[in-house]
Amino acid sequence: MIDKIVKPALWISACVAAPAMAQDAAVTLPAANSGDSAWLLTASALVLMMTLPGLALFYGGLVRAKNFLSVLVQCGAVAALASVIWIVIGYSLAFSVNGNGFLGALDNVMFNGLLGAIRDGQTTGELAFALFQMTFAIITPALIIGAWVERARFAWVVAFSGLWSLLIYVPVTRWVWGNGFLAEQGVIDFAGGIVVHTTAGVSALVVALMLGKRIGFPKTLMLPHSPALTVAGAGLLWVGWFGFNGGSALAANDAAANAIINTHLGASVAALVWLLIERIRVGKATAVGFATGAVAGLATITPAAGVIGPGGAIILGILAAVICFWAVGLVKGTLHIDDSLDVFAVHGVGGILGSVLLAVFANEALGGAGYAEGADMASQLWVQLKGVVLVAVYSAVGTLIIGYLVSMLLPMRVSEDQERDGLDISSHGERAWDLD
């Protein structure tokens, strides 16, 4: 009789107590900072805007009119595919807590376990962090599009970009940002000089060599069909870069403000210096030159934005314009490599330059944030050089292998007739998918 009374009473007591216990447990869990999370979500939208529509218009305006739509379609397709890969498996391989210094585990496949979680040392929800990182995974392979415009077959572009995202971008992200072996060695990459610009820039150069030159290059003048669209695209990139670099502070604080100020300053100085160089070298400043100079400054300041001061940003902006302008002439004019939209000369060279020189301008005496305990300018410079060289070599070799493997099933180039007609025609017909 007592059991019949006691057991139901205990059961009722447990049911009543359970919500209270759950509420107590919920109170003890760390909560994401709403302000920081709101900024990261906003930054994610800004970075996505950099690809769609920023990069699409920037690249689209630089090609001939008969290839404009093909660039827009490629940017869209690469962005969509990279998004799916990132959510399904890319984020887990890059950022999961488990795994090793080279590759993560499968704990967060399909963003599993991210809802309500907060990563150590961060104040935003991990789901917001994964979304922000997805926009970087989108724009990085999209940058390479500038190397193969006007001659690459659409099917090859899609297949190559998917494999490149998974086999090049994801592992490098793990090494540098996912507490991998390069991070353990002290490599600094605030917002993607190594992870984004070095990988994409070096890969673009390799792809350009693999594909070969466009018909008529370099003798035929291939003028951009719409400098206005290019400048508009550059403007969207410039604004979106505030989210790219400012969002990399992962909080709405002075670190984000400092990164945005340096980003804007570096781009402004580089754009002005590029115009000056054009005026001296060719007799007049151009709209495309302004846009290209600004993007060169943005790419160069990216890895250093959060660790240098305004003085360092000004110097990096000057160097970005001078060195990237020289690199454009070297690649196309001297070496006759048809990196069509100067991905390596602007993004690759700029990203490498900023990644290395941040070791100099991070010095507190120069207005920087200083070095980690036990590090100094010389040791940091050596670490940055090692990181850049390793990632550049890995990107080059990996791109070569992926490119040729895909070409065994899907030819890399369109036919000469298709190239002369323009890819806006071939990319929207079944001929784009032919294997002959």
Protein backbone atom coordinates (compact mmCIF):
# COMPACT_ATOMS: atom_id res chain seq x y z
CA MET A 1 0.00 0.00 0.00
CA ILE A 2 2.82 2.36 0.92
CA ASP A 3 4.57 1.57 -2.38
CA LYS A 4 1.39 2.43 -4.26
CA ILE A 5 1.38 5.86 -2.62
CA VAL A 6 5.13 6.59 -2.52
CA LYS A 7 6.01 5.61 -6.09
CA PRO A 8 3.42 7.85 -7.77
CA ALA A 9 4.41 10.66 -5.44
CA LEU A 10 8.07 10.29 -6.37
CA TRP A 11 7.17 10.16 -10.03
CA ILE A 12 5.06 13.35 -9.77
CA SER A 13 7.84 15.03 -7.81
CA ALA A 14 10.41 14.12 -10.45
CA CYS A 15 8.19 15.47 -13.24
CA VAL A 16 7.70 18.74 -11.38
CA ALA A 17 11.39 19.04 -10.56
CA ALA A 18 12.66 18.21 -14.05
CA PRO A 19 11.72 21.52 -15.68
CA ALA A 20 13.20 23.40 -12.75
CA MET A 21 16.43 21.42 -13.03
CA ALA A 22 16.54 21.99 -16.77
CA GLN A 23 15.95 25.68 -16.20
CA ASP A 24 18.78 25.81 -13.66
CA ALA A 25 21.08 23.98 -16.09
CA ALA A 26 20.12 26.35 -18.90
CA VAL A 27 21.01 29.31 -16.74
CA THR A 28 24.50 27.97 -16.16
CA LEU A 29 25.22 27.48 -19.88
CA PRO A 30 27.23 30.30 -21.52
CA ALA A 31 25.07 32.56 -23.63
CA ALA A 32 26.16 34.14 -26.89
CA ASN A 33 26.66 37.90 -26.86
CA SER A 34 23.77 39.26 -28.93
CA GLY A 35 25.70 42.33 -30.10
CA ASP A 36 28.69 40.31 -31.27
CA SER A 37 26.41 37.78 -32.91
CA ALA A 38 24.47 40.50 -34.71
CA TRP A 39 27.70 41.98 -36.06
CA LEU A 40 28.90 38.58 -37.26
CA LEU A 41 25.60 37.92 -39.04
CA THR A 42 25.81 41.35 -40.67
CA ALA A 43 29.43 40.73 -41.67
CA SER A 44 28.36 37.43 -43.23
CA ALA A 45 25.89 39.26 -45.44
CA LEU A 46 28.57 41.79 -46.42
CA VAL A 47 31.05 39.07 -47.39
CA LEU A 48 28.43 37.22 -49.42
CA MET A 49 27.73 40.52 -51.19
CA MET A 50 31.40 40.56 -52.21
CA THR A 51 30.84 37.49 -54.38
CA LEU A 52 27.21 38.07 -55.33
CA PRO A 53 27.12 40.64 -56.86
CA GLY A 54 30.48 42.37 -56.18
CA LEU A 55 32.98 39.97 -57.73
CA ALA A 56 30.55 38.98 -60.47
CA LEU A 57 30.23 42.59 -61.65
CA PHE A 58 33.92 43.36 -61.14
CA TYR A 59 34.98 40.40 -63.28
CA GLY A 60 32.01 40.68 -65.65
CA GLY A 61 32.85 44.25 -66.60
CA LEU A 62 36.45 43.30 -67.40
CA VAL A 63 35.63 40.63 -70.01
CA ARG A 64 34.32 41.17 -73.53
CA ALA A 65 30.56 41.57 -73.90
CA LYS A 66 30.13 38.12 -75.44
CA ASN A 67 31.37 36.50 -72.23
CA PHE A 68 29.61 38.66 -69.61
CA LEU A 69 26.78 36.28 -68.70
CA SER A 70 29.14 33.30 -68.49
CA VAL A 71 31.09 35.07 -65.72
CA LEU A 72 27.89 35.75 -63.76
CA VAL A 73 26.77 32.13 -64.11
CA GLN A 74 30.16 30.80 -63.03
CA CYS A 75 30.23 33.05 -59.95
CA GLY A 76 26.74 31.92 -59.01
CA ALA A 77 27.40 28.23 -59.58
CA VAL A 78 30.69 28.26 -57.65
CA ALA A 79 29.06 30.13 -54.76
CA ALA A 80 26.18 27.66 -54.59
CA LEU A 81 28.42 24.58 -54.78
CA ALA A 82 30.90 25.90 -52.20
CA SER A 83 28.01 26.61 -49.82
CA VAL A 84 26.71 23.05 -50.01
CA ILE A 85 30.19 21.55 -49.56
CA TRP A 86 30.87 23.79 -46.56
CA ILE A 87 27.65 22.93 -44.74
CA VAL A 88 27.75 19.22 -45.51
CA ILE A 89 31.37 18.49 -44.61
CA GLY A 90 33.75 21.42 -45.14
CA TYR A 91 33.19 23.19 -41.84
CA SER A 92 33.60 19.99 -39.87
CA LEU A 93 36.90 19.14 -41.56
CA ALA A 94 38.18 22.67 -41.02
CA PHE A 95 36.95 23.61 -37.55
CA SER A 96 35.78 20.57 -35.58
CA VAL A 97 37.35 20.35 -32.13
CA ASN A 98 38.44 16.79 -32.73
CA GLY A 99 40.86 15.76 -35.45
CA ASN A 100 44.50 16.73 -35.81
CA GLY A 101 46.67 19.62 -36.96
CA PHE A 102 46.05 18.78 -40.61
CA LEU A 103 42.36 17.93 -40.84
CA GLY A 104 39.34 17.93 -38.57
CA ALA A 105 36.93 15.14 -37.73
CA LEU A 106 33.35 14.52 -38.88
CA ASP A 107 31.69 15.71 -35.68
CA ASN A 108 29.96 18.69 -37.29
CA VAL A 109 28.81 17.20 -40.59
CA MET A 110 25.65 18.99 -41.73
CA PHE A 111 26.40 21.59 -39.00
CA ASN A 112 25.57 18.92 -36.43
CA GLY A 113 26.03 20.06 -32.83
CA LEU A 114 26.44 23.75 -33.63
CA LEU A 115 23.05 25.00 -32.49
CA GLY A 116 23.47 26.59 -29.07
CA ALA A 117 27.21 25.91 -28.96
CA ILE A 118 29.95 28.50 -28.39
CA ARG A 119 33.57 27.91 -29.36
CA ASP A 120 36.27 28.42 -26.75
CA GLY A 121 37.47 32.00 -26.65
CA GLN A 122 34.53 33.35 -28.67
CA THR A 123 31.39 35.21 -27.68
CA THR A 124 29.17 34.43 -30.67
CA GLY A 125 27.21 31.27 -31.30
CA GLU A 126 29.13 28.67 -33.29
CA LEU A 127 26.35 28.54 -35.87
CA ALA A 128 26.92 32.23 -36.64
CA PHE A 129 30.66 31.58 -36.80
CA ALA A 130 30.13 28.69 -39.25
CA LEU A 131 27.93 30.92 -41.42
CA PHE A 132 30.58 33.65 -41.46
CA GLN A 133 33.28 31.19 -42.42
CA MET A 134 31.05 29.82 -45.18
CA THR A 135 31.15 33.17 -46.96
CA PHE A 136 34.96 32.95 -47.05
CA ALA A 137 34.69 29.44 -48.47
CA ILE A 138 32.44 30.90 -51.17
CA ILE A 139 34.56 33.81 -52.35
CA THR A 140 37.92 32.00 -52.37
CA PRO A 141 37.29 29.59 -55.28
CA ALA A 142 35.25 32.31 -57.00
CA LEU A 143 38.37 34.49 -57.15
CA ILE A 144 40.06 31.94 -59.42
CA ILE A 145 37.37 32.48 -62.06
CA GLY A 146 39.31 35.53 -63.24
CA ALA A 147 42.12 33.29 -64.48
CA TRP A 148 40.05 31.15 -66.86
CA VAL A 149 37.37 33.54 -68.16
CA GLU A 150 36.47 33.46 -71.84
CA ARG A 151 37.87 29.98 -72.51
CA ALA A 152 37.12 27.42 -69.75
CA ARG A 153 34.35 24.88 -70.17
CA PHE A 154 31.55 25.35 -67.65
CA ALA A 155 31.36 21.69 -66.61
CA TRP A 156 35.10 21.66 -65.87
CA VAL A 157 34.77 24.92 -63.90
CA VAL A 158 32.10 23.47 -61.62
CA ALA A 159 33.84 20.14 -61.04
CA PHE A 160 37.25 21.75 -60.48
CA SER A 161 35.87 24.35 -58.08
CA GLY A 162 34.12 21.73 -55.97
CA LEU A 163 37.21 19.55 -55.61
CA TRP A 164 39.45 22.57 -55.07
CA SER A 165 37.22 23.80 -52.24
CA LEU A 166 37.33 20.43 -50.52
CA LEU A 167 40.97 19.49 -51.11
CA ILE A 168 42.76 22.85 -51.03
CA TYR A 169 40.69 25.44 -49.20
CA VAL A 170 39.40 23.26 -46.37
CA PRO A 171 42.78 21.80 -45.30
CA VAL A 172 44.54 25.19 -45.44
CA THR A 173 41.75 26.70 -43.35
CA ARG A 174 42.34 23.98 -40.79
CA TRP A 175 46.09 24.63 -40.72
CA VAL A 176 45.77 28.37 -40.14
CA TRP A 177 42.37 29.12 -38.57
CA GLY A 178 41.31 25.76 -37.19
CA ASN A 179 44.12 25.52 -34.61
CA GLY A 180 46.16 23.45 -37.04
CA PHE A 181 49.90 23.03 -37.24
CA LEU A 182 50.58 26.43 -38.81
CA ALA A 183 48.58 28.16 -36.09
CA GLU A 184 50.56 26.24 -33.48
CA GLN A 185 53.77 27.56 -35.05
CA GLY A 186 52.49 31.12 -34.65
CA VAL A 187 51.41 32.00 -38.19
CA ILE A 188 49.19 35.10 -38.22
CA ASP A 189 46.49 35.56 -40.85
CA PHE A 190 43.88 37.96 -39.54
CA ALA A 191 41.38 37.69 -42.38
CA GLY A 192 42.73 35.60 -45.25
CA GLY A 193 45.98 36.74 -46.82
CA ILE A 194 47.19 33.14 -46.70
CA VAL A 195 43.96 31.15 -46.50
CA VAL A 196 42.13 33.12 -49.20
CA HIS A 197 44.46 35.19 -51.37
CA THR A 198 47.58 33.03 -51.45
CA THR A 199 45.63 29.85 -52.22
CA ALA A 200 43.43 31.48 -54.87
CA GLY A 201 46.20 33.59 -56.41
CA VAL A 202 48.72 30.78 -56.80
CA SER A 203 46.04 28.39 -58.05
CA ALA A 204 44.91 30.98 -60.60
CA LEU A 205 48.43 31.21 -62.02
CA VAL A 206 48.64 27.42 -62.33
CA VAL A 207 45.24 27.21 -64.01
CA ALA A 208 46.20 29.95 -66.47
CA LEU A 209 49.28 27.97 -67.45
CA MET A 210 47.28 24.75 -67.77
CA LEU A 211 44.57 26.28 -69.94
CA GLY A 212 46.88 28.25 -72.18
CA LYS A 213 46.26 31.64 -73.74
CA ARG A 214 43.06 32.98 -75.20
CA ILE A 215 42.94 33.15 -78.98
CA GLY A 216 44.84 36.27 -79.99
CA PHE A 217 46.61 36.86 -76.67
CA PRO A 218 48.77 38.92 -76.28
CA LYS A 219 48.66 40.55 -79.72
CA THR A 220 44.92 41.19 -79.88
CA LEU A 221 43.65 44.01 -77.66
CA MET A 222 40.97 42.60 -75.35
CA LEU A 223 39.34 45.65 -73.79
CA PRO A 224 36.82 45.39 -70.94
CA HIS A 225 33.30 45.80 -72.27
CA SER A 226 32.05 47.82 -69.30
CA PRO A 227 34.46 49.69 -67.02
CA ALA A 228 31.38 51.12 -65.31
CA LEU A 229 30.33 47.65 -64.10
CA THR A 230 33.88 46.97 -62.98
CA VAL A 231 33.98 50.13 -60.85
CA ALA A 232 30.55 49.32 -59.43
CA GLY A 233 31.72 45.81 -58.59
CA ALA A 234 34.87 47.19 -56.97
CA GLY A 235 32.71 49.49 -54.87
CA LEU A 236 30.66 46.54 -53.64
CA LEU A 237 33.87 44.64 -52.88
CA TRP A 238 35.22 47.63 -50.97
CA VAL A 239 32.12 47.95 -48.78
CA GLY A 240 31.84 44.18 -48.36
CA TRP A 241 35.48 44.03 -47.27
CA PHE A 242 34.47 45.86 -44.09
CA GLY A 243 32.64 42.66 -43.17
CA PHE A 244 35.48 40.51 -44.49
CA ASN A 245 38.13 42.11 -42.27
CA GLY A 246 36.03 43.73 -39.57
CA GLY A 247 34.01 40.57 -39.04
CA SER A 248 37.23 38.60 -38.54
CA ALA A 249 37.55 40.25 -35.11
CA LEU A 250 34.54 38.02 -34.24
CA ALA A 251 33.15 40.75 -31.98
CA ALA A 252 31.69 44.25 -32.22
CA ASN A 253 34.59 46.01 -30.54
CA ASP A 254 37.62 48.24 -31.11
CA ALA A 255 39.47 45.37 -32.81
CA ALA A 256 36.78 45.32 -35.50
CA ALA A 257 36.84 49.11 -35.81
CA ASN A 258 40.63 49.09 -36.13
CA ALA A 259 40.48 46.42 -38.84
CA ILE A 260 37.87 48.39 -40.80
CA ILE A 261 39.83 51.65 -40.54
CA ASN A 262 43.02 49.95 -41.76
CA THR A 263 41.10 48.25 -44.55
CA HIS A 264 39.62 51.50 -45.80
CA LEU A 265 42.91 53.35 -45.48
CA GLY A 266 44.90 50.69 -47.31
CA ALA A 267 42.42 50.59 -50.19
CA SER A 268 42.26 54.38 -50.44
CA VAL A 269 46.04 54.80 -50.57
CA ALA A 270 46.51 51.95 -53.06
CA ALA A 271 43.81 53.32 -55.39
CA LEU A 272 45.38 56.79 -55.40
CA VAL A 273 48.91 55.49 -55.94
CA TRP A 274 47.74 53.21 -58.77
CA LEU A 275 46.16 56.23 -60.48
CA LEU A 276 49.41 58.14 -60.07
CA ILE A 277 51.43 55.28 -61.57
CA GLU A 278 49.06 55.12 -64.55
CA ARG A 279 49.38 58.86 -65.05
CA ILE A 280 53.16 58.59 -65.11
CA ARG A 281 53.41 55.38 -67.14
CA VAL A 282 50.60 55.67 -69.71
CA GLY A 283 49.73 59.35 -69.56
CA LYS A 284 46.28 59.12 -67.98
CA ALA A 285 44.48 57.63 -64.99
CA THR A 286 41.68 55.15 -65.75
CA ALA A 287 38.53 53.92 -64.05
CA VAL A 288 39.69 50.30 -64.29
CA GLY A 289 43.02 51.35 -62.76
CA PHE A 290 41.23 52.92 -59.81
CA ALA A 291 39.19 49.77 -59.25
CA THR A 292 42.20 47.47 -59.62
CA GLY A 293 44.32 49.56 -57.27
CA ALA A 294 41.63 49.54 -54.61
CA VAL A 295 41.26 45.76 -54.80
CA ALA A 296 45.05 45.33 -54.63
CA GLY A 297 45.09 47.45 -51.46
CA LEU A 298 42.23 45.46 -49.96
CA ALA A 299 43.90 42.13 -50.67
CA THR A 300 47.22 43.32 -49.25
CA ILE A 301 45.80 44.76 -46.03
CA THR A 302 43.61 41.70 -45.31
CA PRO A 303 46.06 39.49 -43.38
CA ALA A 304 47.36 42.45 -41.35
CA ALA A 305 44.20 44.53 -40.79
CA GLY A 306 43.78 43.61 -37.14
CA VAL A 307 47.41 43.68 -36.04
CA ILE A 308 48.81 46.92 -37.51
CA GLY A 309 48.13 50.63 -37.08
CA PRO A 310 47.14 53.31 -39.61
CA GLY A 311 50.78 54.08 -40.41
CA GLY A 312 51.38 50.47 -41.41
CA ALA A 313 48.17 50.51 -43.48
CA ILE A 314 49.38 53.53 -45.45
CA ILE A 315 52.73 51.92 -46.23
CA LEU A 316 51.08 48.63 -47.20
CA GLY A 317 48.70 50.56 -49.47
CA ILE A 318 51.62 52.21 -51.26
CA LEU A 319 53.49 48.93 -51.62
CA ALA A 320 50.35 47.16 -52.82
CA ALA A 321 49.92 49.57 -55.71
CA VAL A 322 53.58 49.64 -56.73
CA ILE A 323 54.31 45.91 -56.46
CA CYS A 324 50.98 44.63 -57.82
CA PHE A 325 51.19 47.04 -60.77
CA TRP A 326 54.65 45.68 -61.51
CA ALA A 327 53.38 42.10 -61.12
CA VAL A 328 50.62 42.68 -63.69
CA GLY A 329 53.23 43.81 -66.21
CA LEU A 330 55.52 40.91 -65.36
CA VAL A 331 52.90 38.17 -65.70
CA LYS A 332 51.18 39.44 -68.83
CA GLY A 333 53.77 41.63 -70.51
CA THR A 334 57.03 39.81 -69.84
CA LEU A 335 56.02 36.19 -69.20
CA HIS A 336 52.96 36.30 -71.50
CA ILE A 337 50.88 34.24 -69.08
CA ASP A 338 47.18 34.81 -69.73
CA ASP A 339 45.97 35.21 -66.16
CA SER A 340 43.09 37.05 -67.76
CA LEU A 341 41.90 39.28 -64.91
CA ASP A 342 45.18 39.43 -62.97
CA VAL A 343 44.14 37.17 -60.10
CA PHE A 344 47.70 36.22 -59.20
CA ALA A 345 49.22 39.67 -59.72
CA VAL A 346 46.57 41.43 -57.61
CA HIS A 347 45.17 38.93 -55.12
CA GLY A 348 48.06 36.48 -54.92
CA VAL A 349 50.91 38.97 -54.81
CA GLY A 350 48.93 41.33 -52.59
CA GLY A 351 47.96 38.61 -50.13
CA ILE A 352 51.52 37.28 -49.94
CA LEU A 353 52.93 40.78 -49.50
CA GLY A 354 50.60 41.60 -46.63
CA SER A 355 51.07 38.20 -44.99
CA VAL A 356 54.83 38.63 -44.86
CA LEU A 357 55.09 42.34 -44.02
CA LEU A 358 52.59 42.17 -41.16
CA ALA A 359 55.53 40.76 -39.19
CA VAL A 360 57.18 44.15 -39.57
CA PHE A 361 54.24 46.48 -39.02
CA ALA A 362 52.83 44.53 -36.07
CA ASN A 363 55.68 46.02 -34.03
CA GLU A 364 54.32 48.20 -31.24
CA ALA A 365 56.91 50.86 -32.05
CA LEU A 366 55.23 51.16 -35.48
CA GLY A 367 51.72 51.32 -34.07
CA GLY A 368 50.98 47.61 -34.27
CA ALA A 369 49.47 45.24 -31.74
CA GLY A 370 52.80 43.60 -30.89
CA TYR A 371 53.88 39.98 -30.95
CA ALA A 372 52.99 36.88 -29.01
CA GLU A 373 55.03 36.04 -25.94
CA GLY A 374 58.50 34.91 -26.93
CA ALA A 375 58.22 36.23 -30.51
CA ASP A 376 59.84 39.25 -32.12
CA MET A 377 59.97 40.78 -35.59
CA ALA A 378 62.62 38.40 -36.94
CA SER A 379 61.01 35.22 -35.61
CA GLN A 380 57.54 36.29 -36.77
CA LEU A 381 58.90 37.14 -40.21
CA TRP A 382 60.40 33.66 -40.51
CA VAL A 383 57.17 32.01 -39.40
CA GLN A 384 55.13 34.04 -41.92
CA LEU A 385 57.51 33.19 -44.75
CA LYS A 386 57.33 29.48 -43.94
CA GLY A 387 53.55 29.58 -43.82
CA VAL A 388 53.21 31.42 -47.13
CA VAL A 389 55.68 29.16 -48.97
CA LEU A 390 54.12 25.95 -47.68
CA VAL A 391 50.59 27.02 -48.58
CA ALA A 392 51.70 28.33 -51.99
CA VAL A 393 53.43 25.06 -52.86
CA TYR A 394 50.50 22.96 -51.62
CA SER A 395 48.04 25.09 -53.62
CA ALA A 396 50.13 24.88 -56.80
CA VAL A 397 50.67 21.12 -56.68
CA GLY A 398 47.10 20.41 -55.57
CA THR A 399 45.64 22.60 -58.31
CA LEU A 400 47.77 20.88 -60.94
CA ILE A 401 46.60 17.44 -59.83
CA ILE A 402 42.93 18.39 -59.49
CA GLY A 403 42.90 20.24 -62.80
CA TYR A 404 44.29 17.34 -64.78
CA LEU A 405 42.20 14.71 -63.00
CA VAL A 406 39.01 16.60 -63.81
CA SER A 407 40.16 17.16 -67.41
CA MET A 408 40.37 13.39 -67.88
CA LEU A 409 36.56 13.35 -67.72
CA LEU A 410 35.65 16.91 -68.64
CA PRO A 411 37.75 18.88 -71.13
CA MET A 412 39.11 22.13 -69.75
CA ARG A 413 38.66 24.40 -72.77
CA VAL A 414 35.83 25.16 -75.10
CA SER A 415 36.40 24.72 -78.83
CA GLU A 416 37.90 27.52 -80.92
CA ASP A 417 34.51 28.18 -82.52
CA GLN A 418 32.86 28.48 -79.11
CA GLU A 419 35.61 30.80 -77.88
CA ARG A 420 35.21 33.06 -80.91
CA ASP A 421 31.42 33.05 -80.57
CA GLY A 422 31.66 33.81 -76.86
CA LEU A 423 30.74 31.71 -73.85
CA ASP A 424 27.40 33.45 -73.36
CA ILE A 425 26.17 31.30 -76.24
CA SER A 426 27.92 28.02 -75.46
CA SER A 427 27.36 28.18 -71.68
CA HIS A 428 23.60 28.22 -72.10
CA GLY A 429 23.37 25.31 -74.48
CA GLU A 430 24.00 21.62 -74.11
CA ARG A 431 27.34 22.07 -75.92
CA ALA A 432 28.78 23.36 -72.63
CA TRP A 433 28.40 19.87 -71.19
CA ASP A 434 29.64 17.90 -74.18
CA LEU A 435 32.66 15.72 -73.50
CA ASP A 436 34.08 15.85 -77.04
